[in-house]
Amino acid sequence: MRFMMLIHHDEAALTPAVQKGLVGEYGAFLAALAKADGASAGERLKPSSAATTVREQDGKLDVLDGPYADTKEQLGGYFFIEAASLDEAIAWAKRCPSVKYGSIEIRPVYNIQTDWKG
């Protein structure tokens, strides 16, 4: 089953020294995923200060500077994994280096070939 792991973290906690350390930790984490045939595409996002939010409300479009949610933790990146179950996906999330600085949201991804058949 395919899962998307959304990385939310406290941007203020990610000092340059912390980010430098995370690079090595992510290298090891992604190497472990690749060995388990669980690795897939992912991306790191620029800081939430670079975000723009577009929303329609009552027929009016608003374009706002900043992220969708004004919280301490912001979406910082994502990746996809292949896991046999939610428990296996949770185990990978626990190993993700960013879990120390925020949270990892796990979402199953629809399989269009099988999930949408009646």
PDB file of N, CA and C in Angstrom:
ATOM      1  N   MET A   1       0.849  -1.170   0.000  1.00  0.00           N
ATOM      2  CA  MET A   1       0.000   0.000   0.000  1.00  0.00           C
ATOM      3  C   MET A   1       0.896   1.235   0.000  1.00  0.00           C
ATOM      4  N   ARG A   2       0.460   2.212  -0.726  1.00  0.00           N
ATOM      5  CA  ARG A   2       1.242   3.447  -0.841  1.00  0.00           C
ATOM      6  C   ARG A   2       0.734   4.457   0.186  1.00  0.00           C
ATOM      7  N   PHE A   3       1.672   5.081   0.877  1.00  0.00           N
ATOM      8  CA  PHE A   3       1.359   6.107   1.874  1.00  0.00           C
ATOM      9  C   PHE A   3       2.154   7.373   1.558  1.00  0.00           C
ATOM     10  N   MET A   4       1.534   8.498   1.846  1.00  0.00           N
ATOM     11  CA  MET A   4       2.247   9.774   1.788  1.00  0.00           C
ATOM     12  C   MET A   4       2.561  10.163   3.226  1.00  0.00           C
ATOM     13  N   MET A   5       3.799  10.557   3.457  1.00  0.00           N
ATOM     14  CA  MET A   5       4.214  11.010   4.782  1.00  0.00           C
ATOM     15  C   MET A   5       4.464  12.505   4.690  1.00  0.00           C
ATOM     16  N   LEU A   6       3.649  13.270   5.391  1.00  0.00           N
ATOM     17  CA  LEU A   6       3.755  14.732   5.391  1.00  0.00           C
ATOM     18  C   LEU A   6       4.543  15.157   6.620  1.00  0.00           C
ATOM     19  N   ILE A   7       5.617  15.855   6.387  1.00  0.00           N
ATOM     20  CA  ILE A   7       6.512  16.250   7.467  1.00  0.00           C
ATOM     21  C   ILE A   7       6.148  17.655   7.926  1.00  0.00           C
ATOM     22  N   HIS A   8       5.730  17.757   9.163  1.00  0.00           N
ATOM     23  CA  HIS A   8       5.419  19.059   9.770  1.00  0.00           C
ATOM     24  C   HIS A   8       6.461  19.301  10.854  1.00  0.00           C
ATOM     25  N   HIS A   9       7.058  20.474  10.835  1.00  0.00           N
ATOM     26  CA  HIS A   9       8.039  20.748  11.872  1.00  0.00           C
ATOM     27  C   HIS A   9       8.022  22.219  12.277  1.00  0.00           C
ATOM     28  N   ASP A  10       8.652  22.452  13.410  1.00  0.00           N
ATOM     29  CA  ASP A  10       8.812  23.806  13.935  1.00  0.00           C
ATOM     30  C   ASP A  10      10.013  24.425  13.222  1.00  0.00           C
ATOM     31  N   GLU A  11       9.759  25.345  12.316  1.00  0.00           N
ATOM     32  CA  GLU A  11      10.845  25.921  11.519  1.00  0.00           C
ATOM     33  C   GLU A  11      11.880  26.615  12.397  1.00  0.00           C
ATOM     34  N   ALA A  12      11.444  27.195  13.519  1.00  0.00           N
ATOM     35  CA  ALA A  12      12.375  27.899  14.403  1.00  0.00           C
ATOM     36  C   ALA A  12      13.391  26.936  15.037  1.00  0.00           C
ATOM     37  N   ALA A  13      12.993  25.672  15.182  1.00  0.00           N
ATOM     38  CA  ALA A  13      13.877  24.682  15.795  1.00  0.00           C
ATOM     39  C   ALA A  13      14.937  24.178  14.821  1.00  0.00           C
ATOM     40  N   LEU A  14      14.740  24.440  13.544  1.00  0.00           N
ATOM     41  CA  LEU A  14      15.664  23.930  12.531  1.00  0.00           C
ATOM     42  C   LEU A  14      16.780  24.939  12.273  1.00  0.00           C
ATOM     43  N   THR A  15      17.672  25.067  13.209  1.00  0.00           N
ATOM     44  CA  THR A  15      18.821  25.960  13.046  1.00  0.00           C
ATOM     45  C   THR A  15      19.724  25.406  11.944  1.00  0.00           C
ATOM     46  N   PRO A  16      20.628  26.211  11.417  1.00  0.00           N
ATOM     47  CA  PRO A  16      21.544  25.682  10.393  1.00  0.00           C
ATOM     48  C   PRO A  16      22.306  24.445  10.868  1.00  0.00           C
ATOM     49  N   ALA A  17      22.720  24.406  12.121  1.00  0.00           N
ATOM     50  CA  ALA A  17      23.443  23.233  12.636  1.00  0.00           C
ATOM     51  C   ALA A  17      22.529  22.001  12.633  1.00  0.00           C
ATOM     52  N   VAL A  18      21.285  22.182  13.034  1.00  0.00           N
ATOM     53  CA  VAL A  18      20.332  21.058  13.028  1.00  0.00           C
ATOM     54  C   VAL A  18      20.097  20.571  11.602  1.00  0.00           C
ATOM     55  N   GLN A  19      19.906  21.517  10.679  1.00  0.00           N
ATOM     56  CA  GLN A  19      19.670  21.138   9.279  1.00  0.00           C
ATOM     57  C   GLN A  19      20.860  20.368   8.707  1.00  0.00           C
ATOM     58  N   LYS A  20      22.069  20.792   9.057  1.00  0.00           N
ATOM     59  CA  LYS A  20      23.261  20.089   8.575  1.00  0.00           C
ATOM     60  C   LYS A  20      23.270  18.645   9.090  1.00  0.00           C
ATOM     61  N   GLY A  21      22.913  18.456  10.345  1.00  0.00           N
ATOM     62  CA  GLY A  21      22.843  17.114  10.903  1.00  0.00           C
ATOM     63  C   GLY A  21      21.761  16.268  10.267  1.00  0.00           C
ATOM     64  N   LEU A  22      20.649  16.909   9.929  1.00  0.00           N
ATOM     65  CA  LEU A  22      19.545  16.164   9.313  1.00  0.00           C
ATOM     66  C   LEU A  22      19.909  15.617   7.935  1.00  0.00           C
ATOM     67  N   VAL A  23      20.777  16.310   7.234  1.00  0.00           N
ATOM     68  CA  VAL A  23      21.164  15.842   5.895  1.00  0.00           C
ATOM     69  C   VAL A  23      21.747  14.433   5.993  1.00  0.00           C
ATOM     70  N   GLY A  24      22.660  14.233   6.934  1.00  0.00           N
ATOM     71  CA  GLY A  24      23.248  12.902   7.109  1.00  0.00           C
ATOM     72  C   GLY A  24      22.235  11.884   7.594  1.00  0.00           C
ATOM     73  N   GLU A  25      21.380  12.305   8.523  1.00  0.00           N
ATOM     74  CA  GLU A  25      20.369  11.387   9.049  1.00  0.00           C
ATOM     75  C   GLU A  25      19.393  10.963   7.951  1.00  0.00           C
ATOM     76  N   TYR A  26      19.002  11.916   7.100  1.00  0.00           N
ATOM     77  CA  TYR A  26      18.093  11.582   6.005  1.00  0.00           C
ATOM     78  C   TYR A  26      18.760  10.651   5.000  1.00  0.00           C
ATOM     79  N   GLY A  27      20.052  10.829   4.795  1.00  0.00           N
ATOM     80  CA  GLY A  27      20.760   9.922   3.887  1.00  0.00           C
ATOM     81  C   GLY A  27      20.642   8.485   4.367  1.00  0.00           C
ATOM     82  N   ALA A  28      20.871   8.279   5.659  1.00  0.00           N
ATOM     83  CA  ALA A  28      20.768   6.933   6.227  1.00  0.00           C
ATOM     84  C   ALA A  28      19.326   6.422   6.193  1.00  0.00           C
ATOM     85  N   PHE A  29      18.384   7.285   6.506  1.00  0.00           N
ATOM     86  CA  PHE A  29      16.968   6.904   6.509  1.00  0.00           C
ATOM     87  C   PHE A  29      16.523   6.487   5.107  1.00  0.00           C
ATOM     88  N   LEU A  30      16.855   7.288   4.111  1.00  0.00           N
ATOM     89  CA  LEU A  30      16.434   6.982   2.739  1.00  0.00           C
ATOM     90  C   LEU A  30      17.146   5.738   2.201  1.00  0.00           C
ATOM     91  N   ALA A  31      18.391   5.523   2.631  1.00  0.00           N
ATOM     92  CA  ALA A  31      19.090   4.301   2.224  1.00  0.00           C
ATOM     93  C   ALA A  31      18.379   3.078   2.807  1.00  0.00           C
ATOM     94  N   ALA A  32      17.921   3.176   4.052  1.00  0.00           N
ATOM     95  CA  ALA A  32      17.179   2.066   4.666  1.00  0.00           C
ATOM     96  C   ALA A  32      15.861   1.828   3.936  1.00  0.00           C
ATOM     97  N   LEU A  33      15.170   2.894   3.561  1.00  0.00           N
ATOM     98  CA  LEU A  33      13.920   2.749   2.810  1.00  0.00           C
ATOM     99  C   LEU A  33      14.172   2.076   1.463  1.00  0.00           C
ATOM    100  N   ALA A  34      15.235   2.474   0.798  1.00  0.00           N
ATOM    101  CA  ALA A  34      15.541   1.905  -0.522  1.00  0.00           C
ATOM    102  C   ALA A  34      15.807   0.407  -0.412  1.00  0.00           C
ATOM    103  N   LYS A  35      16.504  -0.015   0.638  1.00  0.00           N
ATOM    104  CA  LYS A  35      16.780  -1.436   0.835  1.00  0.00           C
ATOM    105  C   LYS A  35      15.500  -2.221   1.100  1.00  0.00           C
ATOM    106  N   ALA A  36      14.505  -1.553   1.670  1.00  0.00           N
ATOM    107  CA  ALA A  36      13.234  -2.207   1.971  1.00  0.00           C
ATOM    108  C   ALA A  36      12.244  -2.063   0.820  1.00  0.00           C
ATOM    109  N   ASP A  37      12.701  -1.573  -0.320  1.00  0.00           N
ATOM    110  CA  ASP A  37      11.821  -1.308  -1.467  1.00  0.00           C
ATOM    111  C   ASP A  37      10.686  -0.359  -1.097  1.00  0.00           C
ATOM    112  N   GLY A  38      10.940   0.513  -0.119  1.00  0.00           N
ATOM    113  CA  GLY A  38       9.892   1.439   0.291  1.00  0.00           C
ATOM    114  C   GLY A  38      10.123   2.856  -0.153  1.00  0.00           C
ATOM    115  N   ALA A  39      11.258   3.114  -0.771  1.00  0.00           N
ATOM    116  CA  ALA A  39      11.585   4.494  -1.140  1.00  0.00           C
ATOM    117  C   ALA A  39      10.797   4.928  -2.360  1.00  0.00           C
ATOM    118  N   SER A  40      10.508   6.194  -2.394  1.00  0.00           N
ATOM    119  CA  SER A  40       9.825   6.779  -3.526  1.00  0.00           C
ATOM    120  C   SER A  40      10.130   8.268  -3.520  1.00  0.00           C
ATOM    121  N   ALA A  41       9.532   8.964  -4.435  1.00  0.00           N
ATOM    122  CA  ALA A  41       9.818  10.388  -4.573  1.00  0.00           C
ATOM    123  C   ALA A  41       9.371  11.184  -3.359  1.00  0.00           C
ATOM    124  N   GLY A  42      10.099  12.217  -3.074  1.00  0.00           N
ATOM    125  CA  GLY A  42       9.750  13.145  -2.011  1.00  0.00           C
ATOM    126  C   GLY A  42      10.462  14.444  -2.250  1.00  0.00           C
ATOM    127  N   GLU A  43      10.059  15.475  -1.567  1.00  0.00           N
ATOM    128  CA  GLU A  43      10.665  16.783  -1.734  1.00  0.00           C
ATOM    129  C   GLU A  43      10.668  17.522  -0.413  1.00  0.00           C
ATOM    130  N   ARG A  44      11.674  18.349  -0.233  1.00  0.00           N
ATOM    131  CA  ARG A  44      11.705  19.272   0.896  1.00  0.00           C
ATOM    132  C   ARG A  44      11.149  20.600   0.391  1.00  0.00           C
ATOM    133  N   LEU A  45      10.310  21.221   1.194  1.00  0.00           N
ATOM    134  CA  LEU A  45       9.709  22.499   0.800  1.00  0.00           C
ATOM    135  C   LEU A  45      10.500  23.665   1.369  1.00  0.00           C
ATOM    136  N   LYS A  46      10.429  24.799   0.695  1.00  0.00           N
ATOM    137  CA  LYS A  46      11.036  26.021   1.227  1.00  0.00           C
ATOM    138  C   LYS A  46      10.226  26.460   2.453  1.00  0.00           C
ATOM    139  N   PRO A  47      10.768  27.370   3.287  1.00  0.00           N
ATOM    140  CA  PRO A  47      10.072  27.778   4.517  1.00  0.00           C
ATOM    141  C   PRO A  47       8.662  28.322   4.239  1.00  0.00           C
ATOM    142  N   SER A  48       7.820  28.239   5.250  1.00  0.00           N
ATOM    143  CA  SER A  48       6.430  28.679   5.108  1.00  0.00           C
ATOM    144  C   SER A  48       6.331  30.161   4.754  1.00  0.00           C
ATOM    145  N   SER A  49       7.375  30.941   5.028  1.00  0.00           N
ATOM    146  CA  SER A  49       7.349  32.365   4.668  1.00  0.00           C
ATOM    147  C   SER A  49       7.300  32.548   3.155  1.00  0.00           C
ATOM    148  N   ALA A  50       7.642  31.524   2.398  1.00  0.00           N
ATOM    149  CA  ALA A  50       7.596  31.587   0.937  1.00  0.00           C
ATOM    150  C   ALA A  50       6.247  31.129   0.383  1.00  0.00           C
ATOM    151  N   ALA A  51       5.341  30.739   1.266  1.00  0.00           N
ATOM    152  CA  ALA A  51       4.054  30.187   0.820  1.00  0.00           C
ATOM    153  C   ALA A  51       3.073  31.276   0.411  1.00  0.00           C
ATOM    154  N   THR A  52       2.185  30.927  -0.485  1.00  0.00           N
ATOM    155  CA  THR A  52       1.044  31.748  -0.878  1.00  0.00           C
ATOM    156  C   THR A  52      -0.181  30.853  -0.819  1.00  0.00           C
ATOM    157  N   THR A  53      -1.247  31.363  -0.226  1.00  0.00           N
ATOM    158  CA  THR A  53      -2.473  30.584  -0.095  1.00  0.00           C
ATOM    159  C   THR A  53      -3.584  31.223  -0.918  1.00  0.00           C
ATOM    160  N   VAL A  54      -4.232  30.432  -1.748  1.00  0.00           N
ATOM    161  CA  VAL A  54      -5.353  30.895  -2.571  1.00  0.00           C
ATOM    162  C   VAL A  54      -6.592  30.174  -2.080  1.00  0.00           C
ATOM    163  N   ARG A  55      -7.630  30.942  -1.807  1.00  0.00           N
ATOM    164  CA  ARG A  55      -8.850  30.367  -1.246  1.00  0.00           C
ATOM    165  C   ARG A  55     -10.059  31.085  -1.836  1.00  0.00           C
ATOM    166  N   GLU A  56     -11.118  30.315  -2.132  1.00  0.00           N
ATOM    167  CA  GLU A  56     -12.375  30.917  -2.576  1.00  0.00           C
ATOM    168  C   GLU A  56     -13.387  30.794  -1.463  1.00  0.00           C
ATOM    169  N   GLN A  57     -13.997  31.916  -1.133  1.00  0.00           N
ATOM    170  CA  GLN A  57     -15.019  31.921  -0.096  1.00  0.00           C
ATOM    171  C   GLN A  57     -16.146  32.844  -0.543  1.00  0.00           C
ATOM    172  N   ASP A  58     -17.344  32.310  -0.581  1.00  0.00           N
ATOM    173  CA  ASP A  58     -18.520  33.059  -1.018  1.00  0.00           C
ATOM    174  C   ASP A  58     -18.321  33.657  -2.411  1.00  0.00           C
ATOM    175  N   GLY A  59     -17.704  32.897  -3.295  1.00  0.00           N
ATOM    176  CA  GLY A  59     -17.506  33.331  -4.665  1.00  0.00           C
ATOM    177  C   GLY A  59     -16.380  34.324  -4.863  1.00  0.00           C
ATOM    178  N   LYS A  60     -15.645  34.650  -3.807  1.00  0.00           N
ATOM    179  CA  LYS A  60     -14.559  35.626  -3.911  1.00  0.00           C
ATOM    180  C   LYS A  60     -13.225  34.918  -3.669  1.00  0.00           C
ATOM    181  N   LEU A  61     -12.279  35.172  -4.576  1.00  0.00           N
ATOM    182  CA  LEU A  61     -10.957  34.577  -4.432  1.00  0.00           C
ATOM    183  C   LEU A  61     -10.062  35.490  -3.599  1.00  0.00           C
ATOM    184  N   ASP A  62      -9.401  34.914  -2.633  1.00  0.00           N
ATOM    185  CA  ASP A  62      -8.410  35.630  -1.828  1.00  0.00           C
ATOM    186  C   ASP A  62      -7.050  34.998  -2.080  1.00  0.00           C
ATOM    187  N   VAL A  63      -6.050  35.828  -2.241  1.00  0.00           N
ATOM    188  CA  VAL A  63      -4.662  35.374  -2.368  1.00  0.00           C
ATOM    189  C   VAL A  63      -3.899  35.996  -1.204  1.00  0.00           C
ATOM    190  N   LEU A  64      -3.406  35.140  -0.331  1.00  0.00           N
ATOM    191  CA  LEU A  64      -2.763  35.613   0.889  1.00  0.00           C
ATOM    192  C   LEU A  64      -1.315  35.152   0.954  1.00  0.00           C
ATOM    193  N   ASP A  65      -0.451  36.007   1.473  1.00  0.00           N
ATOM    194  CA  ASP A  65       0.928  35.609   1.738  1.00  0.00           C
ATOM    195  C   ASP A  65       0.930  34.715   2.967  1.00  0.00           C
ATOM    196  N   GLY A  66       1.663  33.640   2.883  1.00  0.00           N
ATOM    197  CA  GLY A  66       1.802  32.765   4.041  1.00  0.00           C
ATOM    198  C   GLY A  66       1.141  31.430   3.855  1.00  0.00           C
ATOM    199  N   PRO A  67       1.339  30.560   4.828  1.00  0.00           N
ATOM    200  CA  PRO A  67       0.820  29.192   4.735  1.00  0.00           C
ATOM    201  C   PRO A  67      -0.677  29.120   5.017  1.00  0.00           C
ATOM    202  N   TYR A  68      -1.275  27.974   4.692  1.00  0.00           N
ATOM    203  CA  TYR A  68      -2.694  27.738   4.927  1.00  0.00           C
ATOM    204  C   TYR A  68      -3.024  27.850   6.406  1.00  0.00           C
ATOM    205  N   ALA A  69      -2.208  27.244   7.248  1.00  0.00           N
ATOM    206  CA  ALA A  69      -2.460  27.253   8.690  1.00  0.00           C
ATOM    207  C   ALA A  69      -1.359  28.048   9.390  1.00  0.00           C
ATOM    208  N   ASP A  70      -1.752  28.953  10.245  1.00  0.00           N
ATOM    209  CA  ASP A  70      -0.793  29.756  11.001  1.00  0.00           C
ATOM    210  C   ASP A  70      -0.535  29.060  12.333  1.00  0.00           C
ATOM    211  N   THR A  71       0.358  28.093  12.295  1.00  0.00           N
ATOM    212  CA  THR A  71       0.690  27.322  13.480  1.00  0.00           C
ATOM    213  C   THR A  71       2.205  27.273  13.644  1.00  0.00           C
ATOM    214  N   LYS A  72       2.652  26.810  14.795  1.00  0.00           N
ATOM    215  CA  LYS A  72       4.084  26.683  15.041  1.00  0.00           C
ATOM    216  C   LYS A  72       4.703  25.665  14.081  1.00  0.00           C
ATOM    217  N   GLU A  73       4.005  24.553  13.872  1.00  0.00           N
ATOM    218  CA  GLU A  73       4.502  23.529  12.959  1.00  0.00           C
ATOM    219  C   GLU A  73       3.958  23.780  11.560  1.00  0.00           C
ATOM    220  N   GLN A  74       4.831  23.726  10.589  1.00  0.00           N
ATOM    221  CA  GLN A  74       4.454  23.963   9.201  1.00  0.00           C
ATOM    222  C   GLN A  74       4.850  22.765   8.351  1.00  0.00           C
ATOM    223  N   LEU A  75       4.169  22.612   7.212  1.00  0.00           N
ATOM    224  CA  LEU A  75       4.516  21.554   6.269  1.00  0.00           C
ATOM    225  C   LEU A  75       5.906  21.842   5.718  1.00  0.00           C
ATOM    226  N   GLY A  76       6.815  20.899   5.902  1.00  0.00           N
ATOM    227  CA  GLY A  76       8.190  21.106   5.481  1.00  0.00           C
ATOM    228  C   GLY A  76       8.633  20.208   4.342  1.00  0.00           C
ATOM    229  N   GLY A  77       7.855  19.185   4.071  1.00  0.00           N
ATOM    230  CA  GLY A  77       8.216  18.279   2.991  1.00  0.00           C
ATOM    231  C   GLY A  77       7.334  17.053   3.017  1.00  0.00           C
ATOM    232  N   TYR A  78       7.603  16.169   2.083  1.00  0.00           N
ATOM    233  CA  TYR A  78       6.815  14.952   1.996  1.00  0.00           C
ATOM    234  C   TYR A  78       7.611  13.902   1.261  1.00  0.00           C
ATOM    235  N   PHE A  79       7.216  12.682   1.418  1.00  0.00           N
ATOM    236  CA  PHE A  79       7.693  11.605   0.576  1.00  0.00           C
ATOM    237  C   PHE A  79       6.676  10.490   0.592  1.00  0.00           C
ATOM    238  N   PHE A  80       6.828   9.600  -0.354  1.00  0.00           N
ATOM    239  CA  PHE A  80       5.933   8.461  -0.468  1.00  0.00           C
ATOM    240  C   PHE A  80       6.688   7.210  -0.070  1.00  0.00           C
ATOM    241  N   ILE A  81       5.969   6.291   0.555  1.00  0.00           N
ATOM    242  CA  ILE A  81       6.562   4.999   0.873  1.00  0.00           C
ATOM    243  C   ILE A  81       5.594   3.897   0.474  1.00  0.00           C
ATOM    244  N   GLU A  82       6.152   2.732   0.263  1.00  0.00           N
ATOM    245  CA  GLU A  82       5.356   1.520   0.072  1.00  0.00           C
ATOM    246  C   GLU A  82       5.453   0.733   1.364  1.00  0.00           C
ATOM    247  N   ALA A  83       4.322   0.409   1.948  1.00  0.00           N
ATOM    248  CA  ALA A  83       4.306  -0.354   3.193  1.00  0.00           C
ATOM    249  C   ALA A  83       3.151  -1.347   3.129  1.00  0.00           C
ATOM    250  N   ALA A  84       3.314  -2.471   3.788  1.00  0.00           N
ATOM    251  CA  ALA A  84       2.287  -3.515   3.767  1.00  0.00           C
ATOM    252  C   ALA A  84       1.071  -3.129   4.600  1.00  0.00           C
ATOM    253  N   SER A  85       1.276  -2.225   5.573  1.00  0.00           N
ATOM    254  CA  SER A  85       0.173  -1.869   6.477  1.00  0.00           C
ATOM    255  C   SER A  85       0.439  -0.483   7.084  1.00  0.00           C
ATOM    256  N   LEU A  86      -0.589   0.034   7.759  1.00  0.00           N
ATOM    257  CA  LEU A  86      -0.407   1.303   8.465  1.00  0.00           C
ATOM    258  C   LEU A  86       0.640   1.148   9.564  1.00  0.00           C
ATOM    259  N   ASP A  87       0.658   0.004  10.232  1.00  0.00           N
ATOM    260  CA  ASP A  87       1.667  -0.225  11.277  1.00  0.00           C
ATOM    261  C   ASP A  87       3.085  -0.123  10.718  1.00  0.00           C
ATOM    262  N   GLU A  88       3.294  -0.666   9.531  1.00  0.00           N
ATOM    263  CA  GLU A  88       4.624  -0.572   8.922  1.00  0.00           C
ATOM    264  C   GLU A  88       4.938   0.881   8.564  1.00  0.00           C
ATOM    265  N   ALA A  89       3.937   1.615   8.059  1.00  0.00           N
ATOM    266  CA  ALA A  89       4.147   3.037   7.738  1.00  0.00           C
ATOM    267  C   ALA A  89       4.480   3.822   9.010  1.00  0.00           C
ATOM    268  N   ILE A  90       3.800   3.515  10.097  1.00  0.00           N
ATOM    269  CA  ILE A  90       4.084   4.185  11.378  1.00  0.00           C
ATOM    270  C   ILE A  90       5.511   3.888  11.820  1.00  0.00           C
ATOM    271  N   ALA A  91       5.944   2.649  11.639  1.00  0.00           N
ATOM    272  CA  ALA A  91       7.317   2.294  12.008  1.00  0.00           C
ATOM    273  C   ALA A  91       8.327   3.122  11.224  1.00  0.00           C
ATOM    274  N   TRP A  92       8.056   3.341   9.927  1.00  0.00           N
ATOM    275  CA  TRP A  92       8.951   4.193   9.128  1.00  0.00           C
ATOM    276  C   TRP A  92       8.893   5.642   9.606  1.00  0.00           C
ATOM    277  N   ALA A  93       7.702   6.118   9.932  1.00  0.00           N
ATOM    278  CA  ALA A  93       7.573   7.503  10.417  1.00  0.00           C
ATOM    279  C   ALA A  93       8.360   7.708  11.709  1.00  0.00           C
ATOM    280  N   LYS A  94       8.370   6.702  12.561  1.00  0.00           N
ATOM    281  CA  LYS A  94       9.124   6.806  13.815  1.00  0.00           C
ATOM    282  C   LYS A  94      10.619   6.916  13.555  1.00  0.00           C
ATOM    283  N   ARG A  95      11.077   6.347  12.445  1.00  0.00           N
ATOM    284  CA  ARG A  95      12.504   6.403  12.094  1.00  0.00           C
ATOM    285  C   ARG A  95      12.881   7.672  11.332  1.00  0.00           C
ATOM    286  N   CYS A  96      11.884   8.407  10.852  1.00  0.00           N
ATOM    287  CA  CYS A  96      12.156   9.608  10.060  1.00  0.00           C
ATOM    288  C   CYS A  96      12.869  10.648  10.937  1.00  0.00           C
ATOM    289  N   PRO A  97      14.008  11.177  10.495  1.00  0.00           N
ATOM    290  CA  PRO A  97      14.759  12.133  11.313  1.00  0.00           C
ATOM    291  C   PRO A  97      13.961  13.364  11.741  1.00  0.00           C
ATOM    292  N   SER A  98      13.019  13.812  10.938  1.00  0.00           N
ATOM    293  CA  SER A  98      12.257  15.026  11.271  1.00  0.00           C
ATOM    294  C   SER A  98      11.280  14.826  12.416  1.00  0.00           C
ATOM    295  N   VAL A  99      11.008  13.592  12.810  1.00  0.00           N
ATOM    296  CA  VAL A  99      10.052  13.357  13.891  1.00  0.00           C
ATOM    297  C   VAL A  99      10.518  14.023  15.195  1.00  0.00           C
ATOM    298  N   LYS A 100      11.832  14.261  15.319  1.00  0.00           N
ATOM    299  CA  LYS A 100      12.368  14.904  16.529  1.00  0.00           C
ATOM    300  C   LYS A 100      12.015  16.381  16.599  1.00  0.00           C
ATOM    301  N   TYR A 101      11.601  16.968  15.469  1.00  0.00           N
ATOM    302  CA  TYR A 101      11.356  18.415  15.416  1.00  0.00           C
ATOM    303  C   TYR A 101       9.916  18.756  15.071  1.00  0.00           C
ATOM    304  N   GLY A 102       9.042  17.764  15.087  1.00  0.00           N
ATOM    305  CA  GLY A 102       7.650  18.035  14.758  1.00  0.00           C
ATOM    306  C   GLY A 102       6.864  16.752  14.686  1.00  0.00           C
ATOM    307  N   SER A 103       6.147  16.572  13.578  1.00  0.00           N
ATOM    308  CA  SER A 103       5.315  15.381  13.443  1.00  0.00           C
ATOM    309  C   SER A 103       5.323  14.906  12.000  1.00  0.00           C
ATOM    310  N   ILE A 104       4.966  13.645  11.846  1.00  0.00           N
ATOM    311  CA  ILE A 104       4.859  13.036  10.521  1.00  0.00           C
ATOM    312  C   ILE A 104       3.410  12.580  10.362  1.00  0.00           C
ATOM    313  N   GLU A 105       2.707  13.178   9.430  1.00  0.00           N
ATOM    314  CA  GLU A 105       1.325  12.779   9.141  1.00  0.00           C
ATOM    315  C   GLU A 105       1.353  11.726   8.047  1.00  0.00           C
ATOM    316  N   ILE A 106       0.679  10.621   8.295  1.00  0.00           N
ATOM    317  CA  ILE A 106       0.659   9.504   7.337  1.00  0.00           C
ATOM    318  C   ILE A 106      -0.718   9.438   6.701  1.00  0.00           C
ATOM    319  N   ARG A 107      -0.750   9.417   5.385  1.00  0.00           N
ATOM    320  CA  ARG A 107      -2.020   9.279   4.674  1.00  0.00           C
ATOM    321  C   ARG A 107      -1.916   8.198   3.618  1.00  0.00           C
ATOM    322  N   PRO A 108      -2.868   7.251   3.650  1.00  0.00           N
ATOM    323  CA  PRO A 108      -2.901   6.280   2.553  1.00  0.00           C
ATOM    324  C   PRO A 108      -3.263   6.997   1.252  1.00  0.00           C
ATOM    325  N   VAL A 109      -2.689   6.522   0.166  1.00  0.00           N
ATOM    326  CA  VAL A 109      -2.942   7.110  -1.145  1.00  0.00           C
ATOM    327  C   VAL A 109      -3.929   6.220  -1.886  1.00  0.00           C
ATOM    328  N   TYR A 110      -4.925   6.839  -2.506  1.00  0.00           N
ATOM    329  CA  TYR A 110      -5.870   6.065  -3.308  1.00  0.00           C
ATOM    330  C   TYR A 110      -5.137   5.327  -4.405  1.00  0.00           C
ATOM    331  N   ASN A 111      -5.544   4.105  -4.619  1.00  0.00           N
ATOM    332  CA  ASN A 111      -5.110   3.361  -5.790  1.00  0.00           C
ATOM    333  C   ASN A 111      -6.267   3.432  -6.771  1.00  0.00           C
ATOM    334  N   ILE A 112      -6.115   4.245  -7.781  1.00  0.00           N
ATOM    335  CA  ILE A 112      -7.214   4.493  -8.710  1.00  0.00           C
ATOM    336  C   ILE A 112      -7.671   3.200  -9.386  1.00  0.00           C
ATOM    337  N   GLN A 113      -6.746   2.270  -9.587  1.00  0.00           N
ATOM    338  CA  GLN A 113      -7.094   1.016 -10.261  1.00  0.00           C
ATOM    339  C   GLN A 113      -8.023   0.146  -9.412  1.00  0.00           C
ATOM    340  N   THR A 114      -7.907   0.212  -8.083  1.00  0.00           N
ATOM    341  CA  THR A 114      -8.684  -0.709  -7.242  1.00  0.00           C
ATOM    342  C   THR A 114      -9.657  -0.012  -6.285  1.00  0.00           C
ATOM    343  N   ASP A 115      -9.314   1.148  -5.772  1.00  0.00           N
ATOM    344  CA  ASP A 115     -10.139   1.779  -4.736  1.00  0.00           C
ATOM    345  C   ASP A 115     -11.429   2.382  -5.267  1.00  0.00           C
ATOM    346  N   TRP A 116     -11.473   2.735  -6.530  1.00  0.00           N
ATOM    347  CA  TRP A 116     -12.643   3.422  -7.053  1.00  0.00           C
ATOM    348  C   TRP A 116     -13.562   2.523  -7.858  1.00  0.00           C
ATOM    349  N   LYS A 117     -13.299   1.237  -7.828  1.00  0.00           N
ATOM    350  CA  LYS A 117     -14.217   0.315  -8.494  1.00  0.00           C
ATOM    351  C   LYS A 117     -15.369   0.015  -7.547  1.00  0.00           C
ATOM    352  N   GLY A 118     -16.556  -0.042  -8.068  1.00  0.00           N
ATOM    353  CA  GLY A 118     -17.742  -0.248  -7.255  1.00  0.00           C
ATOM    354  C   GLY A 118     -17.931  -1.580  -6.693  1.00  0.00           C
TER     355      GLY A 118
END
